[in-house]
Amino acid sequence: MVDPDPGDMLPEYDFTQMKGVVRGKYASKTKNHPRLIRIADDLSDLFPDDEAVNAALRDYLKGHAVEAHSG
C-alpha cells in the first residue's frame, strides 16, 4: 500500500464528534472579497498593478461581445 500524502484527510477522521466544528463557518467572510488570479510571469512584467490589468481587460472587452460570468 502506498503511504498517504501527509496533507490528505484520512477516512478515520470523524469531525462530527469534535466540539465547535461548524461547516462553512468563515464562508460568508470571503463572499465580498476579491478573487486572486495568478498572471503568468511573462505577462506580469507588462502590468505594474491591478489597475493596469483591469484597464487592459476593459479595453479588450470593448471590442468583444462577452457574456458576464457569475461565480
PDB file of N, CA and C in Angstrom:
ATOM      1  N   MET A   1       0.839  -1.188   0.000  1.00  0.00           N
ATOM      2  CA  MET A   1       0.000   0.000   0.000  1.00  0.00           C
ATOM      3  C   MET A   1       0.884   1.252   0.000  1.00  0.00           C
ATOM      4  N   VAL A   2       0.452   2.247  -0.731  1.00  0.00           N
ATOM      5  CA  VAL A   2       1.190   3.498  -0.823  1.00  0.00           C
ATOM      6  C   VAL A   2       0.845   4.361   0.385  1.00  0.00           C
ATOM      7  N   ASP A   3       1.866   4.957   0.986  1.00  0.00           N
ATOM      8  CA  ASP A   3       1.631   5.853   2.120  1.00  0.00           C
ATOM      9  C   ASP A   3       0.824   7.061   1.644  1.00  0.00           C
ATOM     10  N   PRO A   4      -0.161   7.488   2.423  1.00  0.00           N
ATOM     11  CA  PRO A   4      -0.952   8.653   2.018  1.00  0.00           C
ATOM     12  C   PRO A   4      -0.117   9.923   2.079  1.00  0.00           C
ATOM     13  N   ASP A   5      -0.504  10.877   1.266  1.00  0.00           N
ATOM     14  CA  ASP A   5       0.123  12.190   1.290  1.00  0.00           C
ATOM     15  C   ASP A   5      -0.134  12.789   2.673  1.00  0.00           C
ATOM     16  N   PRO A   6       0.881  13.397   3.311  1.00  0.00           N
ATOM     17  CA  PRO A   6       0.680  13.957   4.652  1.00  0.00           C
ATOM     18  C   PRO A   6      -0.427  15.014   4.705  1.00  0.00           C
ATOM     19  N   GLY A   7      -0.756  15.607   3.575  1.00  0.00           N
ATOM     20  CA  GLY A   7      -1.810  16.617   3.542  1.00  0.00           C
ATOM     21  C   GLY A   7      -3.192  16.039   3.319  1.00  0.00           C
ATOM     22  N   ASP A   8      -3.290  14.739   3.053  1.00  0.00           N
ATOM     23  CA  ASP A   8      -4.581  14.104   2.792  1.00  0.00           C
ATOM     24  C   ASP A   8      -5.355  13.867   4.076  1.00  0.00           C
ATOM     25  N   MET A   9      -6.662  13.928   3.954  1.00  0.00           N
ATOM     26  CA  MET A   9      -7.536  13.590   5.076  1.00  0.00           C
ATOM     27  C   MET A   9      -7.709  12.079   5.072  1.00  0.00           C
ATOM     28  N   LEU A  10      -7.515  11.460   6.194  1.00  0.00           N
ATOM     29  CA  LEU A  10      -7.670  10.018   6.297  1.00  0.00           C
ATOM     30  C   LEU A  10      -9.128   9.676   6.586  1.00  0.00           C
ATOM     31  N   PRO A  11      -9.598   8.521   6.093  1.00  0.00           N
ATOM     32  CA  PRO A  11     -11.002   8.156   6.272  1.00  0.00           C
ATOM     33  C   PRO A  11     -11.425   8.028   7.727  1.00  0.00           C
ATOM     34  N   GLU A  12     -10.483   7.732   8.604  1.00  0.00           N
ATOM     35  CA  GLU A  12     -10.862   7.543  10.007  1.00  0.00           C
ATOM     36  C   GLU A  12     -11.074   8.853  10.773  1.00  0.00           C
ATOM     37  N   TYR A  13     -10.810   9.997  10.137  1.00  0.00           N
ATOM     38  CA  TYR A  13     -11.078  11.270  10.798  1.00  0.00           C
ATOM     39  C   TYR A  13     -12.587  11.485  10.853  1.00  0.00           C
ATOM     40  N   ASP A  14     -13.119  11.757  12.029  1.00  0.00           N
ATOM     41  CA  ASP A  14     -14.549  11.979  12.190  1.00  0.00           C
ATOM     42  C   ASP A  14     -14.753  13.320  12.885  1.00  0.00           C
ATOM     43  N   PHE A  15     -14.960  14.347  12.089  1.00  0.00           N
ATOM     44  CA  PHE A  15     -15.092  15.692  12.631  1.00  0.00           C
ATOM     45  C   PHE A  15     -16.463  15.944  13.251  1.00  0.00           C
ATOM     46  N   THR A  16     -17.410  15.037  13.026  1.00  0.00           N
ATOM     47  CA  THR A  16     -18.735  15.218  13.627  1.00  0.00           C
ATOM     48  C   THR A  16     -18.682  15.064  15.136  1.00  0.00           C
ATOM     49  N   GLN A  17     -17.642  14.411  15.643  1.00  0.00           N
ATOM     50  CA  GLN A  17     -17.515  14.193  17.084  1.00  0.00           C
ATOM     51  C   GLN A  17     -16.764  15.329  17.785  1.00  0.00           C
ATOM     52  N   MET A  18     -16.229  16.265  17.011  1.00  0.00           N
ATOM     53  CA  MET A  18     -15.473  17.368  17.601  1.00  0.00           C
ATOM     54  C   MET A  18     -16.416  18.498  18.006  1.00  0.00           C
ATOM     55  N   LYS A  19     -16.135  19.124  19.124  1.00  0.00           N
ATOM     56  CA  LYS A  19     -16.948  20.247  19.597  1.00  0.00           C
ATOM     57  C   LYS A  19     -16.523  21.535  18.890  1.00  0.00           C
ATOM     58  N   GLY A  20     -17.492  22.358  18.578  1.00  0.00           N
ATOM     59  CA  GLY A  20     -17.205  23.659  17.987  1.00  0.00           C
ATOM     60  C   GLY A  20     -16.948  23.638  16.496  1.00  0.00           C
ATOM     61  N   VAL A  21     -17.062  22.490  15.856  1.00  0.00           N
ATOM     62  CA  VAL A  21     -16.819  22.409  14.418  1.00  0.00           C
ATOM     63  C   VAL A  21     -18.094  22.811  13.686  1.00  0.00           C
ATOM     64  N   VAL A  22     -17.976  23.808  12.806  1.00  0.00           N
ATOM     65  CA  VAL A  22     -19.112  24.281  12.028  1.00  0.00           C
ATOM     66  C   VAL A  22     -18.683  24.311  10.572  1.00  0.00           C
ATOM     67  N   ARG A  23     -19.413  23.614   9.730  1.00  0.00           N
ATOM     68  CA  ARG A  23     -19.081  23.591   8.310  1.00  0.00           C
ATOM     69  C   ARG A  23     -19.375  24.964   7.696  1.00  0.00           C
ATOM     70  N   GLY A  24     -18.415  25.501   6.962  1.00  0.00           N
ATOM     71  CA  GLY A  24     -18.585  26.785   6.295  1.00  0.00           C
ATOM     72  C   GLY A  24     -18.606  27.984   7.227  1.00  0.00           C
ATOM     73  N   LYS A  25     -18.001  27.845   8.377  1.00  0.00           N
ATOM     74  CA  LYS A  25     -18.034  28.894   9.401  1.00  0.00           C
ATOM     75  C   LYS A  25     -17.556  30.252   8.875  1.00  0.00           C
ATOM     76  N   TYR A  26     -16.549  30.254   8.044  1.00  0.00           N
ATOM     77  CA  TYR A  26     -15.974  31.503   7.552  1.00  0.00           C
ATOM     78  C   TYR A  26     -16.322  31.790   6.098  1.00  0.00           C
ATOM     79  N   ALA A  27     -17.191  31.006   5.499  1.00  0.00           N
ATOM     80  CA  ALA A  27     -17.523  31.174   4.084  1.00  0.00           C
ATOM     81  C   ALA A  27     -18.097  32.555   3.793  1.00  0.00           C
ATOM     82  N   SER A  28     -18.952  33.059   4.650  1.00  0.00           N
ATOM     83  CA  SER A  28     -19.572  34.364   4.405  1.00  0.00           C
ATOM     84  C   SER A  28     -18.555  35.499   4.460  1.00  0.00           C
ATOM     85  N   LYS A  29     -17.479  35.325   5.177  1.00  0.00           N
ATOM     86  CA  LYS A  29     -16.463  36.377   5.287  1.00  0.00           C
ATOM     87  C   LYS A  29     -15.707  36.573   3.974  1.00  0.00           C
ATOM     88  N   THR A  30     -15.641  35.549   3.137  1.00  0.00           N
ATOM     89  CA  THR A  30     -14.923  35.659   1.870  1.00  0.00           C
ATOM     90  C   THR A  30     -15.840  36.031   0.722  1.00  0.00           C
ATOM     91  N   LYS A  31     -17.126  36.134   0.983  1.00  0.00           N
ATOM     92  CA  LYS A  31     -18.114  36.372  -0.066  1.00  0.00           C
ATOM     93  C   LYS A  31     -17.829  37.641  -0.864  1.00  0.00           C
ATOM     94  N   ASN A  32     -17.493  38.729  -0.203  1.00  0.00           N
ATOM     95  CA  ASN A  32     -17.306  40.008  -0.881  1.00  0.00           C
ATOM     96  C   ASN A  32     -15.842  40.382  -1.085  1.00  0.00           C
ATOM     97  N   HIS A  33     -14.955  39.460  -0.844  1.00  0.00           N
ATOM     98  CA  HIS A  33     -13.541  39.739  -1.056  1.00  0.00           C
ATOM     99  C   HIS A  33     -13.179  39.457  -2.509  1.00  0.00           C
ATOM    100  N   PRO A  34     -12.217  40.185  -3.040  1.00  0.00           N
ATOM    101  CA  PRO A  34     -11.826  39.951  -4.433  1.00  0.00           C
ATOM    102  C   PRO A  34     -11.183  38.581  -4.614  1.00  0.00           C
ATOM    103  N   ARG A  35     -11.365  38.041  -5.792  1.00  0.00           N
ATOM    104  CA  ARG A  35     -10.705  36.782  -6.126  1.00  0.00           C
ATOM    105  C   ARG A  35      -9.279  37.092  -6.566  1.00  0.00           C
ATOM    106  N   LEU A  36      -8.363  36.285  -6.152  1.00  0.00           N
ATOM    107  CA  LEU A  36      -6.986  36.439  -6.594  1.00  0.00           C
ATOM    108  C   LEU A  36      -6.782  35.565  -7.815  1.00  0.00           C
ATOM    109  N   ILE A  37      -6.224  36.151  -8.847  1.00  0.00           N
ATOM    110  CA  ILE A  37      -5.973  35.428 -10.087  1.00  0.00           C
ATOM    111  C   ILE A  37      -4.503  35.576 -10.414  1.00  0.00           C
ATOM    112  N   ARG A  38      -3.850  34.459 -10.638  1.00  0.00           N
ATOM    113  CA  ARG A  38      -2.416  34.469 -10.933  1.00  0.00           C
ATOM    114  C   ARG A  38      -2.207  34.772 -12.405  1.00  0.00           C
ATOM    115  N   ILE A  39      -1.333  35.724 -12.669  1.00  0.00           N
ATOM    116  CA  ILE A  39      -0.978  36.090 -14.038  1.00  0.00           C
ATOM    117  C   ILE A  39       0.404  35.528 -14.327  1.00  0.00           C
ATOM    118  N   ALA A  40       0.568  34.964 -15.504  1.00  0.00           N
ATOM    119  CA  ALA A  40       1.844  34.367 -15.897  1.00  0.00           C
ATOM    120  C   ALA A  40       2.968  35.395 -15.778  1.00  0.00           C
ATOM    121  N   ASP A  41       4.147  34.908 -15.430  1.00  0.00           N
ATOM    122  CA  ASP A  41       5.292  35.793 -15.207  1.00  0.00           C
ATOM    123  C   ASP A  41       5.584  36.684 -16.412  1.00  0.00           C
ATOM    124  N   ASP A  42       5.480  36.117 -17.623  1.00  0.00           N
ATOM    125  CA  ASP A  42       5.791  36.917 -18.808  1.00  0.00           C
ATOM    126  C   ASP A  42       4.777  38.044 -19.008  1.00  0.00           C
ATOM    127  N   LEU A  43       3.559  37.866 -18.522  1.00  0.00           N
ATOM    128  CA  LEU A  43       2.556  38.926 -18.619  1.00  0.00           C
ATOM    129  C   LEU A  43       2.643  39.899 -17.453  1.00  0.00           C
ATOM    130  N   SER A  44       3.001  39.406 -16.289  1.00  0.00           N
ATOM    131  CA  SER A  44       3.051  40.288 -15.118  1.00  0.00           C
ATOM    132  C   SER A  44       4.113  41.373 -15.272  1.00  0.00           C
ATOM    133  N   ASP A  45       5.121  41.107 -16.080  1.00  0.00           N
ATOM    134  CA  ASP A  45       6.139  42.126 -16.343  1.00  0.00           C
ATOM    135  C   ASP A  45       5.553  43.313 -17.109  1.00  0.00           C
ATOM    136  N   LEU A  46       4.454  43.078 -17.838  1.00  0.00           N
ATOM    137  CA  LEU A  46       3.843  44.127 -18.652  1.00  0.00           C
ATOM    138  C   LEU A  46       2.834  44.983 -17.885  1.00  0.00           C
ATOM    139  N   PHE A  47       2.366  44.473 -16.740  1.00  0.00           N
ATOM    140  CA  PHE A  47       1.350  45.168 -15.961  1.00  0.00           C
ATOM    141  C   PHE A  47       1.882  45.456 -14.557  1.00  0.00           C
ATOM    142  N   PRO A  48       2.106  46.722 -14.228  1.00  0.00           N
ATOM    143  CA  PRO A  48       2.692  47.055 -12.930  1.00  0.00           C
ATOM    144  C   PRO A  48       1.759  46.826 -11.738  1.00  0.00           C
ATOM    145  N   ASP A  49       0.427  46.861 -11.982  1.00  0.00           N
ATOM    146  CA  ASP A  49      -0.513  46.703 -10.864  1.00  0.00           C
ATOM    147  C   ASP A  49      -1.877  46.242 -11.371  1.00  0.00           C
ATOM    148  N   ASP A  50      -2.799  46.029 -10.440  1.00  0.00           N
ATOM    149  CA  ASP A  50      -4.125  45.533 -10.809  1.00  0.00           C
ATOM    150  C   ASP A  50      -4.900  46.536 -11.654  1.00  0.00           C
ATOM    151  N   GLU A  51      -4.659  47.812 -11.462  1.00  0.00           N
ATOM    152  CA  GLU A  51      -5.351  48.825 -12.260  1.00  0.00           C
ATOM    153  C   GLU A  51      -4.968  48.720 -13.732  1.00  0.00           C
ATOM    154  N   ALA A  52      -3.705  48.428 -14.013  1.00  0.00           N
ATOM    155  CA  ALA A  52      -3.258  48.272 -15.393  1.00  0.00           C
ATOM    156  C   ALA A  52      -3.885  47.037 -16.035  1.00  0.00           C
ATOM    157  N   VAL A  53      -3.996  45.963 -15.278  1.00  0.00           N
ATOM    158  CA  VAL A  53      -4.633  44.744 -15.786  1.00  0.00           C
ATOM    159  C   VAL A  53      -6.102  45.016 -16.077  1.00  0.00           C
ATOM    160  N   ASN A  54      -6.796  45.647 -15.132  1.00  0.00           N
ATOM    161  CA  ASN A  54      -8.216  45.940 -15.316  1.00  0.00           C
ATOM    162  C   ASN A  54      -8.448  46.853 -16.515  1.00  0.00           C
ATOM    163  N   ALA A  55      -7.606  47.862 -16.694  1.00  0.00           N
ATOM    164  CA  ALA A  55      -7.743  48.775 -17.828  1.00  0.00           C
ATOM    165  C   ALA A  55      -7.555  48.023 -19.145  1.00  0.00           C
ATOM    166  N   ALA A  56      -6.569  47.144 -19.205  1.00  0.00           N
ATOM    167  CA  ALA A  56      -6.321  46.373 -20.422  1.00  0.00           C
ATOM    168  C   ALA A  56      -7.486  45.432 -20.723  1.00  0.00           C
ATOM    169  N   LEU A  57      -8.019  44.799 -19.694  1.00  0.00           N
ATOM    170  CA  LEU A  57      -9.156  43.898 -19.896  1.00  0.00           C
ATOM    171  C   LEU A  57     -10.396  44.665 -20.348  1.00  0.00           C
ATOM    172  N   ARG A  58     -10.646  45.819 -19.742  1.00  0.00           N
ATOM    173  CA  ARG A  58     -11.807  46.615 -20.152  1.00  0.00           C
ATOM    174  C   ARG A  58     -11.661  47.090 -21.594  1.00  0.00           C
ATOM    175  N   ASP A  59     -10.463  47.495 -21.970  1.00  0.00           N
ATOM    176  CA  ASP A  59     -10.203  47.925 -23.338  1.00  0.00           C
ATOM    177  C   ASP A  59     -10.430  46.768 -24.310  1.00  0.00           C
ATOM    178  N   TYR A  60      -9.964  45.598 -23.957  1.00  0.00           N
ATOM    179  CA  TYR A  60     -10.150  44.408 -24.792  1.00  0.00           C
ATOM    180  C   TYR A  60     -11.637  44.087 -24.938  1.00  0.00           C
ATOM    181  N   LEU A  61     -12.376  44.160 -23.836  1.00  0.00           N
ATOM    182  CA  LEU A  61     -13.790  43.785 -23.855  1.00  0.00           C
ATOM    183  C   LEU A  61     -14.658  44.758 -24.644  1.00  0.00           C
ATOM    184  N   LYS A  62     -14.197  45.994 -24.824  1.00  0.00           N
ATOM    185  CA  LYS A  62     -14.962  46.955 -25.623  1.00  0.00           C
ATOM    186  C   LYS A  62     -15.166  46.443 -27.041  1.00  0.00           C
ATOM    187  N   GLY A  63     -14.212  45.721 -27.569  1.00  0.00           N
ATOM    188  CA  GLY A  63     -14.298  45.220 -28.940  1.00  0.00           C
ATOM    189  C   GLY A  63     -14.786  43.791 -29.053  1.00  0.00           C
ATOM    190  N   HIS A  64     -15.160  43.182 -27.959  1.00  0.00           N
ATOM    191  CA  HIS A  64     -15.589  41.784 -27.965  1.00  0.00           C
ATOM    192  C   HIS A  64     -16.866  41.620 -27.144  1.00  0.00           C
ATOM    193  N   ALA A  65     -17.832  40.953 -27.747  1.00  0.00           N
ATOM    194  CA  ALA A  65     -19.072  40.672 -27.015  1.00  0.00           C
ATOM    195  C   ALA A  65     -18.819  39.500 -26.080  1.00  0.00           C
ATOM    196  N   VAL A  66     -18.944  39.755 -24.789  1.00  0.00           N
ATOM    197  CA  VAL A  66     -18.692  38.714 -23.795  1.00  0.00           C
ATOM    198  C   VAL A  66     -19.852  38.691 -22.815  1.00  0.00           C
ATOM    199  N   GLU A  67     -20.351  37.480 -22.539  1.00  0.00           N
ATOM    200  CA  GLU A  67     -21.422  37.330 -21.559  1.00  0.00           C
ATOM    201  C   GLU A  67     -20.812  37.289 -20.167  1.00  0.00           C
ATOM    202  N   ALA A  68     -21.426  38.011 -19.247  1.00  0.00           N
ATOM    203  CA  ALA A  68     -20.912  38.055 -17.873  1.00  0.00           C
ATOM    204  C   ALA A  68     -20.951  36.677 -17.241  1.00  0.00           C
ATOM    205  N   HIS A  69     -19.925  36.383 -16.458  1.00  0.00           N
ATOM    206  CA  HIS A  69     -19.822  35.105 -15.743  1.00  0.00           C
ATOM    207  C   HIS A  69     -20.113  35.361 -14.284  1.00  0.00           C
ATOM    208  N   SER A  70     -21.073  34.648 -13.737  1.00  0.00           N
ATOM    209  CA  SER A  70     -21.368  34.817 -12.312  1.00  0.00           C
ATOM    210  C   SER A  70     -20.770  33.662 -11.547  1.00  0.00           C
ATOM    211  N   GLY A  71     -19.813  33.950 -10.705  1.00  0.00           N
ATOM    212  CA  GLY A  71     -19.223  32.887  -9.916  1.00  0.00           C
ATOM    213  C   GLY A  71     -17.817  33.030  -9.763  1.00  0.00           C
TER     214      GLY A  71
END
